[in-house]
Amino acid sequence: MNFDSHMEGVLAVTVAAVNLLQPGHRHGRPYPGEATAEEVGACLAAGGSQFPRHTPQTTELETLRTHAARLYTVFSAVEAADMDEACATVNQVMADTGARPTLVRYDDRPWHLHFHAPDAGWATAWAAGMATSLSFVLGSPSAQRLGICSATQCDRVFVDTSRNGTRRFCSTTCQNRTKTAAFRARRAGQSG
C-alpha cells in the first residue's frame, strides 16, 4: 500500500501518537499511556523534516490525548468491520478540528500540504492532520489495513503497509511473542 510520502509520514505519526497516548497494553505489559510532553514532541517531530519540533504545554497535551483516544476508536471500528462507525468518527474529528487542506511554506522549505487551518492551535492542528490521514486510508480500497495488534496483552494500532495485506501484529516483538507461545504450547502438548 503506497500513499504519497507526506501522507505516509502523517499516517506513521498518527499511529505512533495514538499508541503513545492511548493506555492499554503494549507488548504483553500494561501501558499507562502517560507519555511526557517531551516524548510526544519527539514522536511527532520524528515524522520528517516538515514537522517542526514542539514540546506541548499541559493543555495541548491533554487536548491531543483526547483526540488520540477518539482516533483509537477508528481502528477498533475497522477491526469490528464497522466502517460506518470508523468513517463517522473520522468525519467528526475532522469537523471538530476544522480540518481543511492548506499549502504552507516555512522559511526556505518547499511548499507542502497541511490539513488544518493556518491559525489552528498545535494540538488541533495535529489532530486535524491525523484524522485526515486516516480518512485517506478509509476512503481507499485499503481501508481494511487499519488494525489492532492480535497478540495477547497488546492493543497497539498499526497500518498494514505490507504487499499482501496480512499483517496482524503491531511489531516484530509481538509477532515473535505469539510464535514463541504457540511453539511452547505445541511442545508442551507433545510431551504430555
N, C-alpha and C. Protein backbone atom coordinates (compact mmCIF):
# COMPACT_ATOMS: atom_id res chain seq x y z
N MET A 1 0.85 -1.17 0.00
CA MET A 1 0.00 0.00 0.00
C MET A 1 0.90 1.22 0.00
N ASN A 2 0.70 2.10 -0.94
CA ASN A 2 1.52 3.30 -1.03
C ASN A 2 0.66 4.55 -1.05
N PHE A 3 1.06 5.50 -0.25
CA PHE A 3 0.48 6.84 -0.28
C PHE A 3 1.63 7.76 -0.64
N ASP A 4 1.36 9.03 -0.91
CA ASP A 4 2.49 9.91 -1.17
C ASP A 4 3.33 10.04 0.09
N SER A 5 4.56 10.47 -0.04
CA SER A 5 5.49 10.45 1.08
C SER A 5 5.03 11.32 2.24
N HIS A 6 4.42 12.46 1.95
CA HIS A 6 3.92 13.32 3.03
C HIS A 6 2.81 12.62 3.79
N MET A 7 1.87 12.02 3.08
CA MET A 7 0.75 11.34 3.73
C MET A 7 1.25 10.13 4.52
N GLU A 8 2.22 9.42 3.99
CA GLU A 8 2.79 8.29 4.73
C GLU A 8 3.43 8.76 6.02
N GLY A 9 4.07 9.93 5.98
CA GLY A 9 4.67 10.49 7.19
C GLY A 9 3.63 10.84 8.22
N VAL A 10 2.56 11.49 7.79
CA VAL A 10 1.48 11.86 8.72
C VAL A 10 0.82 10.60 9.26
N LEU A 11 0.60 9.61 8.43
CA LEU A 11 -0.02 8.36 8.86
C LEU A 11 0.87 7.63 9.88
N ALA A 12 2.17 7.60 9.64
CA ALA A 12 3.09 6.97 10.59
C ALA A 12 3.07 7.71 11.93
N VAL A 13 3.04 9.02 11.89
CA VAL A 13 2.98 9.81 13.12
C VAL A 13 1.64 9.57 13.82
N THR A 14 0.58 9.43 13.07
CA THR A 14 -0.73 9.16 13.66
C THR A 14 -0.70 7.86 14.47
N VAL A 15 -0.19 6.81 13.86
CA VAL A 15 -0.10 5.52 14.55
C VAL A 15 0.78 5.64 15.79
N ALA A 16 1.94 6.28 15.63
CA ALA A 16 2.86 6.42 16.76
C ALA A 16 2.24 7.24 17.89
N ALA A 17 1.57 8.31 17.56
CA ALA A 17 0.98 9.17 18.59
C ALA A 17 -0.19 8.48 19.29
N VAL A 18 -1.05 7.80 18.53
CA VAL A 18 -2.16 7.08 19.15
C VAL A 18 -1.61 6.02 20.10
N ASN A 19 -0.60 5.29 19.66
CA ASN A 19 -0.02 4.26 20.51
C ASN A 19 0.66 4.85 21.75
N LEU A 20 1.25 6.01 21.60
CA LEU A 20 1.94 6.65 22.71
C LEU A 20 0.97 7.22 23.74
N LEU A 21 -0.16 7.73 23.27
CA LEU A 21 -1.09 8.44 24.14
C LEU A 21 -2.24 7.58 24.67
N GLN A 22 -2.45 6.41 24.10
CA GLN A 22 -3.58 5.57 24.47
C GLN A 22 -3.17 4.53 25.52
N PRO A 23 -3.81 4.53 26.70
CA PRO A 23 -3.49 3.49 27.68
C PRO A 23 -4.02 2.13 27.23
N GLY A 24 -3.48 1.09 27.79
CA GLY A 24 -3.92 -0.28 27.47
C GLY A 24 -2.79 -1.25 27.75
N HIS A 25 -2.42 -2.02 26.73
CA HIS A 25 -1.33 -2.98 26.84
C HIS A 25 -0.39 -2.80 25.65
N ARG A 26 0.89 -3.03 25.91
CA ARG A 26 1.89 -2.94 24.84
C ARG A 26 2.89 -4.06 25.03
N HIS A 27 3.01 -4.90 24.03
CA HIS A 27 3.99 -5.99 24.03
C HIS A 27 3.88 -6.88 25.26
N GLY A 28 2.65 -7.15 25.70
CA GLY A 28 2.43 -8.08 26.79
C GLY A 28 2.45 -7.46 28.18
N ARG A 29 2.54 -6.15 28.23
CA ARG A 29 2.61 -5.48 29.53
C ARG A 29 1.60 -4.34 29.58
N PRO A 30 1.10 -4.04 30.78
CA PRO A 30 0.22 -2.86 30.90
C PRO A 30 0.97 -1.60 30.46
N TYR A 31 0.25 -0.73 29.79
CA TYR A 31 0.84 0.52 29.30
C TYR A 31 -0.08 1.66 29.73
N PRO A 32 0.41 2.58 30.56
CA PRO A 32 -0.45 3.63 31.10
C PRO A 32 -0.81 4.73 30.11
N GLY A 33 -0.08 4.88 29.02
CA GLY A 33 -0.38 5.93 28.05
C GLY A 33 -0.11 7.32 28.59
N GLU A 34 0.81 7.42 29.51
CA GLU A 34 1.10 8.70 30.16
C GLU A 34 2.40 9.31 29.62
N ALA A 35 2.51 9.41 28.34
CA ALA A 35 3.72 9.96 27.73
C ALA A 35 3.93 11.40 28.17
N THR A 36 5.18 11.77 28.31
CA THR A 36 5.52 13.13 28.69
C THR A 36 5.41 14.06 27.48
N ALA A 37 5.40 15.33 27.76
CA ALA A 37 5.35 16.33 26.69
C ALA A 37 6.57 16.19 25.77
N GLU A 38 7.72 15.92 26.35
CA GLU A 38 8.93 15.76 25.55
C GLU A 38 8.82 14.53 24.64
N GLU A 39 8.29 13.43 25.17
CA GLU A 39 8.13 12.21 24.36
C GLU A 39 7.16 12.45 23.20
N VAL A 40 6.08 13.14 23.47
CA VAL A 40 5.10 13.42 22.42
C VAL A 40 5.70 14.35 21.38
N GLY A 41 6.40 15.38 21.82
CA GLY A 41 7.05 16.30 20.87
C GLY A 41 8.04 15.58 19.98
N ALA A 42 8.84 14.69 20.56
CA ALA A 42 9.81 13.92 19.79
C ALA A 42 9.11 12.96 18.82
N CYS A 43 8.04 12.34 19.28
CA CYS A 43 7.28 11.41 18.43
C CYS A 43 6.75 12.11 17.19
N LEU A 44 6.18 13.27 17.38
CA LEU A 44 5.59 13.98 16.25
C LEU A 44 6.66 14.54 15.32
N ALA A 45 7.76 15.00 15.87
CA ALA A 45 8.84 15.53 15.04
C ALA A 45 9.54 14.43 14.25
N ALA A 46 9.44 13.19 14.70
CA ALA A 46 10.08 12.07 14.02
C ALA A 46 9.46 11.78 12.66
N GLY A 47 8.32 12.37 12.37
CA GLY A 47 7.64 12.12 11.11
C GLY A 47 8.34 12.69 9.90
N GLY A 48 9.33 13.51 10.10
CA GLY A 48 10.06 14.08 8.97
C GLY A 48 10.34 15.55 9.18
N SER A 49 11.10 16.11 8.28
CA SER A 49 11.55 17.49 8.44
C SER A 49 10.41 18.50 8.31
N GLN A 50 9.29 18.09 7.72
CA GLN A 50 8.18 19.03 7.58
C GLN A 50 7.43 19.23 8.89
N PHE A 51 7.77 18.43 9.93
CA PHE A 51 7.11 18.54 11.22
C PHE A 51 8.07 19.17 12.22
N PRO A 52 7.92 20.47 12.49
CA PRO A 52 8.84 21.11 13.43
C PRO A 52 8.66 20.57 14.84
N ARG A 53 9.77 20.53 15.58
CA ARG A 53 9.73 20.03 16.96
C ARG A 53 9.06 21.06 17.86
N HIS A 54 8.20 20.56 18.73
CA HIS A 54 7.49 21.41 19.68
C HIS A 54 7.22 20.58 20.92
N THR A 55 7.53 21.11 22.08
CA THR A 55 7.20 20.44 23.33
C THR A 55 5.88 21.04 23.80
N PRO A 56 4.82 20.24 23.79
CA PRO A 56 3.49 20.79 24.10
C PRO A 56 3.32 21.19 25.56
N GLN A 57 2.49 22.18 25.76
CA GLN A 57 2.08 22.57 27.10
C GLN A 57 1.09 21.52 27.61
N THR A 58 0.81 21.53 28.91
CA THR A 58 -0.08 20.54 29.52
C THR A 58 -1.45 20.52 28.85
N THR A 59 -2.02 21.69 28.60
CA THR A 59 -3.36 21.73 27.99
C THR A 59 -3.33 21.20 26.55
N GLU A 60 -2.25 21.51 25.82
CA GLU A 60 -2.11 21.00 24.46
C GLU A 60 -2.00 19.48 24.48
N LEU A 61 -1.22 18.97 25.42
CA LEU A 61 -1.03 17.53 25.52
C LEU A 61 -2.35 16.83 25.84
N GLU A 62 -3.12 17.38 26.74
CA GLU A 62 -4.40 16.76 27.10
C GLU A 62 -5.40 16.84 25.94
N THR A 63 -5.38 17.92 25.19
CA THR A 63 -6.25 18.03 24.01
C THR A 63 -5.87 16.96 22.99
N LEU A 64 -4.58 16.81 22.74
CA LEU A 64 -4.15 15.80 21.78
C LEU A 64 -4.46 14.39 22.29
N ARG A 65 -4.32 14.17 23.60
CA ARG A 65 -4.64 12.87 24.19
C ARG A 65 -6.12 12.53 23.97
N THR A 66 -6.99 13.51 24.11
CA THR A 66 -8.43 13.31 23.89
C THR A 66 -8.71 12.94 22.44
N HIS A 67 -8.06 13.66 21.51
CA HIS A 67 -8.25 13.33 20.09
C HIS A 67 -7.68 11.95 19.76
N ALA A 68 -6.54 11.60 20.36
CA ALA A 68 -5.93 10.29 20.10
C ALA A 68 -6.86 9.17 20.56
N ALA A 69 -7.54 9.37 21.69
CA ALA A 69 -8.49 8.35 22.16
C ALA A 69 -9.62 8.18 21.16
N ARG A 70 -10.08 9.27 20.60
CA ARG A 70 -11.15 9.19 19.58
C ARG A 70 -10.64 8.47 18.33
N LEU A 71 -9.41 8.77 17.94
CA LEU A 71 -8.85 8.13 16.75
C LEU A 71 -8.58 6.65 16.98
N TYR A 72 -8.28 6.27 18.22
CA TYR A 72 -8.12 4.84 18.53
C TYR A 72 -9.42 4.09 18.22
N THR A 73 -10.56 4.72 18.47
CA THR A 73 -11.83 4.06 18.20
C THR A 73 -12.05 3.81 16.72
N VAL A 74 -11.36 4.56 15.87
CA VAL A 74 -11.44 4.31 14.42
C VAL A 74 -10.83 2.94 14.12
N PHE A 75 -9.67 2.66 14.69
CA PHE A 75 -9.02 1.36 14.49
C PHE A 75 -9.91 0.25 15.05
N SER A 76 -10.50 0.49 16.21
CA SER A 76 -11.41 -0.50 16.82
C SER A 76 -12.60 -0.79 15.92
N ALA A 77 -13.16 0.26 15.34
CA ALA A 77 -14.32 0.09 14.46
C ALA A 77 -13.94 -0.71 13.21
N VAL A 78 -12.78 -0.43 12.65
CA VAL A 78 -12.33 -1.19 11.47
C VAL A 78 -12.13 -2.66 11.86
N GLU A 79 -11.53 -2.91 13.02
CA GLU A 79 -11.35 -4.29 13.50
C GLU A 79 -12.69 -5.01 13.62
N ALA A 80 -13.72 -4.27 14.03
CA ALA A 80 -15.05 -4.85 14.20
C ALA A 80 -15.86 -4.83 12.91
N ALA A 81 -15.20 -4.48 11.79
CA ALA A 81 -15.84 -4.40 10.47
C ALA A 81 -16.99 -3.41 10.46
N ASP A 82 -16.89 -2.35 11.24
CA ASP A 82 -17.91 -1.30 11.28
C ASP A 82 -17.35 -0.04 10.62
N MET A 83 -17.31 -0.08 9.29
CA MET A 83 -16.76 1.04 8.54
C MET A 83 -17.59 2.29 8.70
N ASP A 84 -18.89 2.15 8.89
CA ASP A 84 -19.74 3.32 9.09
C ASP A 84 -19.31 4.08 10.34
N GLU A 85 -19.05 3.36 11.42
CA GLU A 85 -18.60 3.99 12.67
C GLU A 85 -17.21 4.60 12.50
N ALA A 86 -16.31 3.89 11.85
CA ALA A 86 -14.96 4.40 11.64
C ALA A 86 -15.00 5.71 10.85
N CYS A 87 -15.75 5.73 9.77
CA CYS A 87 -15.83 6.93 8.94
C CYS A 87 -16.55 8.06 9.64
N ALA A 88 -17.61 7.75 10.38
CA ALA A 88 -18.33 8.79 11.12
C ALA A 88 -17.43 9.44 12.16
N THR A 89 -16.61 8.63 12.83
CA THR A 89 -15.69 9.17 13.84
C THR A 89 -14.65 10.07 13.21
N VAL A 90 -14.04 9.63 12.12
CA VAL A 90 -13.04 10.45 11.44
C VAL A 90 -13.68 11.74 10.94
N ASN A 91 -14.85 11.65 10.35
CA ASN A 91 -15.54 12.86 9.89
C ASN A 91 -15.80 13.82 11.04
N GLN A 92 -16.19 13.30 12.19
CA GLN A 92 -16.48 14.16 13.33
C GLN A 92 -15.21 14.83 13.85
N VAL A 93 -14.11 14.08 13.92
CA VAL A 93 -12.85 14.69 14.37
C VAL A 93 -12.40 15.76 13.37
N MET A 94 -12.53 15.47 12.08
CA MET A 94 -12.16 16.48 11.09
C MET A 94 -13.04 17.72 11.23
N ALA A 95 -14.31 17.54 11.46
CA ALA A 95 -15.21 18.68 11.64
C ALA A 95 -14.86 19.46 12.91
N ASP A 96 -14.61 18.74 13.99
CA ASP A 96 -14.29 19.39 15.27
C ASP A 96 -12.98 20.17 15.22
N THR A 97 -12.04 19.70 14.41
CA THR A 97 -10.74 20.35 14.34
C THR A 97 -10.65 21.35 13.19
N GLY A 98 -11.69 21.45 12.39
CA GLY A 98 -11.67 22.38 11.25
C GLY A 98 -10.67 21.95 10.19
N ALA A 99 -10.51 20.64 10.00
CA ALA A 99 -9.55 20.12 9.02
C ALA A 99 -9.89 20.64 7.63
N ARG A 100 -8.86 21.14 6.96
CA ARG A 100 -9.01 21.57 5.58
C ARG A 100 -7.63 21.66 4.96
N PRO A 101 -7.51 21.29 3.71
CA PRO A 101 -6.18 21.32 3.10
C PRO A 101 -5.69 22.75 2.88
N THR A 102 -4.43 22.97 3.20
CA THR A 102 -3.80 24.27 3.02
C THR A 102 -2.35 24.06 2.64
N LEU A 103 -1.91 24.73 1.58
CA LEU A 103 -0.50 24.66 1.21
C LEU A 103 0.27 25.67 2.05
N VAL A 104 1.39 25.21 2.63
CA VAL A 104 2.16 26.02 3.57
C VAL A 104 3.63 25.95 3.20
N ARG A 105 4.34 27.05 3.46
CA ARG A 105 5.78 27.08 3.23
C ARG A 105 6.43 27.83 4.38
N TYR A 106 7.44 27.20 4.97
CA TYR A 106 8.20 27.82 6.05
C TYR A 106 9.61 28.11 5.57
N ASP A 107 10.08 29.28 5.85
CA ASP A 107 11.45 29.67 5.55
C ASP A 107 11.83 29.23 4.14
N ASP A 108 12.89 28.44 4.01
CA ASP A 108 13.35 28.01 2.69
C ASP A 108 12.89 26.61 2.33
N ARG A 109 11.98 26.06 3.11
CA ARG A 109 11.45 24.72 2.81
C ARG A 109 10.47 24.81 1.64
N PRO A 110 10.30 23.70 0.91
CA PRO A 110 9.34 23.72 -0.20
C PRO A 110 7.89 23.75 0.30
N TRP A 111 7.00 24.13 -0.58
CA TRP A 111 5.58 24.11 -0.25
C TRP A 111 5.17 22.68 0.08
N HIS A 112 4.30 22.54 1.06
CA HIS A 112 3.77 21.22 1.41
C HIS A 112 2.36 21.39 1.96
N LEU A 113 1.66 20.30 2.04
CA LEU A 113 0.25 20.31 2.40
C LEU A 113 0.06 20.10 3.89
N HIS A 114 -0.70 20.99 4.50
CA HIS A 114 -1.18 20.81 5.87
C HIS A 114 -2.67 20.53 5.80
N PHE A 115 -3.21 19.98 6.86
CA PHE A 115 -4.62 19.63 6.86
C PHE A 115 -5.39 20.36 7.94
N HIS A 116 -4.95 21.56 8.25
CA HIS A 116 -5.62 22.33 9.29
C HIS A 116 -5.60 23.81 8.92
N ALA A 117 -6.45 24.56 9.58
CA ALA A 117 -6.48 25.99 9.36
C ALA A 117 -5.15 26.59 9.80
N PRO A 118 -4.66 27.60 9.10
CA PRO A 118 -3.38 28.20 9.46
C PRO A 118 -3.32 28.72 10.91
N ASP A 119 -4.45 29.09 11.45
CA ASP A 119 -4.46 29.64 12.81
C ASP A 119 -4.84 28.60 13.88
N ALA A 120 -4.89 27.34 13.50
CA ALA A 120 -5.24 26.29 14.47
C ALA A 120 -4.13 26.15 15.50
N GLY A 121 -4.50 25.87 16.72
CA GLY A 121 -3.51 25.61 17.76
C GLY A 121 -2.77 24.31 17.49
N TRP A 122 -1.68 24.10 18.21
CA TRP A 122 -0.81 22.95 17.97
C TRP A 122 -1.57 21.62 18.04
N ALA A 123 -2.29 21.35 19.11
CA ALA A 123 -2.98 20.06 19.27
C ALA A 123 -4.08 19.90 18.24
N THR A 124 -4.82 20.95 17.98
CA THR A 124 -5.90 20.88 16.99
C THR A 124 -5.32 20.64 15.60
N ALA A 125 -4.22 21.29 15.31
CA ALA A 125 -3.58 21.10 14.00
C ALA A 125 -3.13 19.66 13.82
N TRP A 126 -2.51 19.09 14.84
CA TRP A 126 -2.08 17.70 14.74
C TRP A 126 -3.27 16.76 14.63
N ALA A 127 -4.30 16.98 15.43
CA ALA A 127 -5.48 16.11 15.38
C ALA A 127 -6.14 16.18 14.01
N ALA A 128 -6.19 17.37 13.42
CA ALA A 128 -6.77 17.52 12.08
C ALA A 128 -5.99 16.71 11.06
N GLY A 129 -4.66 16.81 11.12
CA GLY A 129 -3.82 16.04 10.19
C GLY A 129 -3.94 14.54 10.39
N MET A 130 -4.00 14.13 11.66
CA MET A 130 -4.14 12.71 11.95
C MET A 130 -5.46 12.15 11.44
N ALA A 131 -6.54 12.87 11.70
CA ALA A 131 -7.85 12.42 11.22
C ALA A 131 -7.87 12.38 9.70
N THR A 132 -7.27 13.37 9.07
CA THR A 132 -7.23 13.41 7.61
C THR A 132 -6.42 12.23 7.07
N SER A 133 -5.31 11.90 7.72
CA SER A 133 -4.52 10.76 7.24
C SER A 133 -5.34 9.47 7.31
N LEU A 134 -6.12 9.31 8.38
CA LEU A 134 -6.97 8.11 8.47
C LEU A 134 -8.08 8.15 7.43
N SER A 135 -8.55 9.35 7.09
CA SER A 135 -9.59 9.44 6.06
C SER A 135 -9.06 8.99 4.70
N PHE A 136 -7.77 9.24 4.43
CA PHE A 136 -7.18 8.77 3.17
C PHE A 136 -7.21 7.26 3.10
N VAL A 137 -6.94 6.60 4.21
CA VAL A 137 -6.96 5.13 4.23
C VAL A 137 -8.40 4.64 4.12
N LEU A 138 -9.29 5.21 4.95
CA LEU A 138 -10.68 4.75 4.96
C LEU A 138 -11.38 4.98 3.61
N GLY A 139 -10.97 6.00 2.91
CA GLY A 139 -11.59 6.31 1.62
C GLY A 139 -10.92 5.62 0.45
N SER A 140 -10.08 4.64 0.74
CA SER A 140 -9.37 3.94 -0.33
C SER A 140 -9.75 2.45 -0.30
N PRO A 141 -9.34 1.72 -1.33
CA PRO A 141 -9.58 0.28 -1.32
C PRO A 141 -8.82 -0.44 -0.20
N SER A 142 -7.91 0.25 0.47
CA SER A 142 -7.09 -0.35 1.53
C SER A 142 -7.64 -0.08 2.92
N ALA A 143 -8.90 0.25 3.04
CA ALA A 143 -9.48 0.65 4.33
C ALA A 143 -9.33 -0.42 5.40
N GLN A 144 -9.30 -1.68 5.01
CA GLN A 144 -9.19 -2.76 5.99
C GLN A 144 -7.77 -2.90 6.56
N ARG A 145 -6.87 -2.06 6.12
CA ARG A 145 -5.48 -2.18 6.56
C ARG A 145 -5.19 -1.45 7.87
N LEU A 146 -6.18 -0.84 8.46
CA LEU A 146 -6.03 -0.29 9.81
C LEU A 146 -6.29 -1.44 10.76
N GLY A 147 -5.43 -1.62 11.75
CA GLY A 147 -5.62 -2.77 12.63
C GLY A 147 -5.15 -2.53 14.04
N ILE A 148 -5.52 -3.47 14.89
CA ILE A 148 -5.07 -3.52 16.28
C ILE A 148 -4.33 -4.85 16.45
N CYS A 149 -3.22 -4.80 17.13
CA CYS A 149 -2.36 -5.98 17.31
C CYS A 149 -3.18 -7.16 17.83
N SER A 150 -2.95 -8.33 17.24
CA SER A 150 -3.70 -9.52 17.65
C SER A 150 -2.92 -10.37 18.67
N ALA A 151 -1.77 -9.90 19.11
CA ALA A 151 -1.03 -10.62 20.15
C ALA A 151 -1.76 -10.47 21.49
N THR A 152 -1.62 -11.46 22.35
CA THR A 152 -2.22 -11.37 23.68
C THR A 152 -1.58 -10.21 24.44
N GLN A 153 -2.38 -9.55 25.20
CA GLN A 153 -1.96 -8.41 26.01
C GLN A 153 -1.25 -7.32 25.20
N CYS A 154 -1.77 -7.04 24.05
CA CYS A 154 -1.29 -5.90 23.27
C CYS A 154 -2.47 -5.34 22.49
N ASP A 155 -2.66 -4.05 22.59
CA ASP A 155 -3.75 -3.41 21.85
C ASP A 155 -3.25 -2.17 21.11
N ARG A 156 -2.00 -2.23 20.66
CA ARG A 156 -1.44 -1.13 19.89
C ARG A 156 -1.94 -1.20 18.46
N VAL A 157 -2.08 -0.02 17.83
CA VAL A 157 -2.62 0.06 16.47
C VAL A 157 -1.50 0.03 15.44
N PHE A 158 -1.86 -0.25 14.19
CA PHE A 158 -0.91 -0.23 13.09
C PHE A 158 -1.65 0.00 11.79
N VAL A 159 -0.90 0.35 10.77
CA VAL A 159 -1.40 0.40 9.40
C VAL A 159 -0.59 -0.63 8.64
N ASP A 160 -1.26 -1.57 8.02
CA ASP A 160 -0.61 -2.65 7.28
C ASP A 160 -0.17 -2.11 5.93
N THR A 161 1.12 -1.89 5.80
CA THR A 161 1.66 -1.42 4.53
C THR A 161 2.36 -2.54 3.76
N SER A 162 2.15 -3.78 4.22
CA SER A 162 2.78 -4.91 3.53
C SER A 162 2.16 -5.11 2.15
N ARG A 163 2.88 -5.78 1.31
CA ARG A 163 2.41 -6.01 -0.05
C ARG A 163 1.13 -6.85 -0.09
N ASN A 164 1.06 -7.89 0.74
CA ASN A 164 -0.08 -8.80 0.67
C ASN A 164 -1.19 -8.48 1.67
N GLY A 165 -1.00 -7.49 2.52
CA GLY A 165 -2.06 -7.06 3.42
C GLY A 165 -2.45 -8.07 4.48
N THR A 166 -1.48 -8.81 5.01
CA THR A 166 -1.80 -9.84 6.00
C THR A 166 -1.21 -9.56 7.38
N ARG A 167 -0.77 -8.36 7.60
CA ARG A 167 -0.16 -8.04 8.90
C ARG A 167 -1.19 -8.18 10.01
N ARG A 168 -0.76 -8.76 11.15
CA ARG A 168 -1.65 -8.98 12.29
C ARG A 168 -1.10 -8.39 13.58
N PHE A 169 0.15 -7.95 13.56
CA PHE A 169 0.80 -7.51 14.78
C PHE A 169 1.33 -6.09 14.64
N CYS A 170 1.43 -5.41 15.79
CA CYS A 170 1.93 -4.04 15.78
C CYS A 170 3.43 -3.98 15.56
N SER A 171 4.11 -5.08 15.87
CA SER A 171 5.57 -5.07 15.81
C SER A 171 6.10 -6.50 15.67
N THR A 172 7.37 -6.58 15.35
CA THR A 172 8.04 -7.88 15.32
C THR A 172 8.07 -8.49 16.71
N THR A 173 8.18 -7.64 17.73
CA THR A 173 8.19 -8.12 19.11
C THR A 173 6.94 -8.94 19.40
N CYS A 174 5.77 -8.41 19.07
CA CYS A 174 4.53 -9.13 19.33
C CYS A 174 4.39 -10.36 18.44
N GLN A 175 4.83 -10.27 17.21
CA GLN A 175 4.80 -11.43 16.32
C GLN A 175 5.65 -12.56 16.90
N ASN A 176 6.84 -12.22 17.37
CA ASN A 176 7.73 -13.23 17.94
C ASN A 176 7.18 -13.78 19.25
N ARG A 177 6.58 -12.94 20.08
CA ARG A 177 5.98 -13.42 21.32
C ARG A 177 4.90 -14.45 21.02
N THR A 178 4.08 -14.17 20.02
CA THR A 178 2.99 -15.07 19.65
C THR A 178 3.53 -16.39 19.10
N LYS A 179 4.53 -16.32 18.24
CA LYS A 179 5.13 -17.54 17.69
C LYS A 179 5.78 -18.38 18.78
N THR A 180 6.45 -17.73 19.71
CA THR A 180 7.10 -18.45 20.81
C THR A 180 6.07 -19.13 21.70
N ALA A 181 4.99 -18.43 22.01
CA ALA A 181 3.92 -19.01 22.84
C ALA A 181 3.30 -20.22 22.14
N ALA A 182 3.07 -20.11 20.83
CA ALA A 182 2.48 -21.23 20.09
C ALA A 182 3.44 -22.42 20.06
N PHE A 183 4.73 -22.15 19.87
CA PHE A 183 5.73 -23.23 19.87
C PHE A 183 5.76 -23.93 21.23
N ARG A 184 5.77 -23.15 22.29
CA ARG A 184 5.80 -23.74 23.64
C ARG A 184 4.54 -24.56 23.92
N ALA A 185 3.41 -24.08 23.44
CA ALA A 185 2.15 -24.82 23.65
C ALA A 185 2.17 -26.14 22.89
N ARG A 186 2.69 -26.12 21.65
CA ARG A 186 2.80 -27.36 20.87
C ARG A 186 3.76 -28.33 21.55
N ARG A 187 4.87 -27.82 22.02
CA ARG A 187 5.86 -28.66 22.66
C ARG A 187 5.34 -29.25 23.97
N ALA A 188 4.60 -28.46 24.73
CA ALA A 188 4.00 -28.97 25.97
C ALA A 188 2.96 -30.03 25.66
N GLY A 189 2.21 -29.87 24.57
CA GLY A 189 1.21 -30.85 24.16
C GLY A 189 1.83 -32.15 23.71
N GLN A 190 2.99 -32.08 23.09
CA GLN A 190 3.67 -33.28 22.63
C GLN A 190 4.31 -34.07 23.77
N SER A 191 4.73 -33.37 24.81
CA SER A 191 5.38 -34.07 25.93
C SER A 191 4.41 -34.57 26.96
N GLY A 192 3.16 -34.15 26.90
CA GLY A 192 2.18 -34.53 27.93
C GLY A 192 1.28 -35.59 27.54
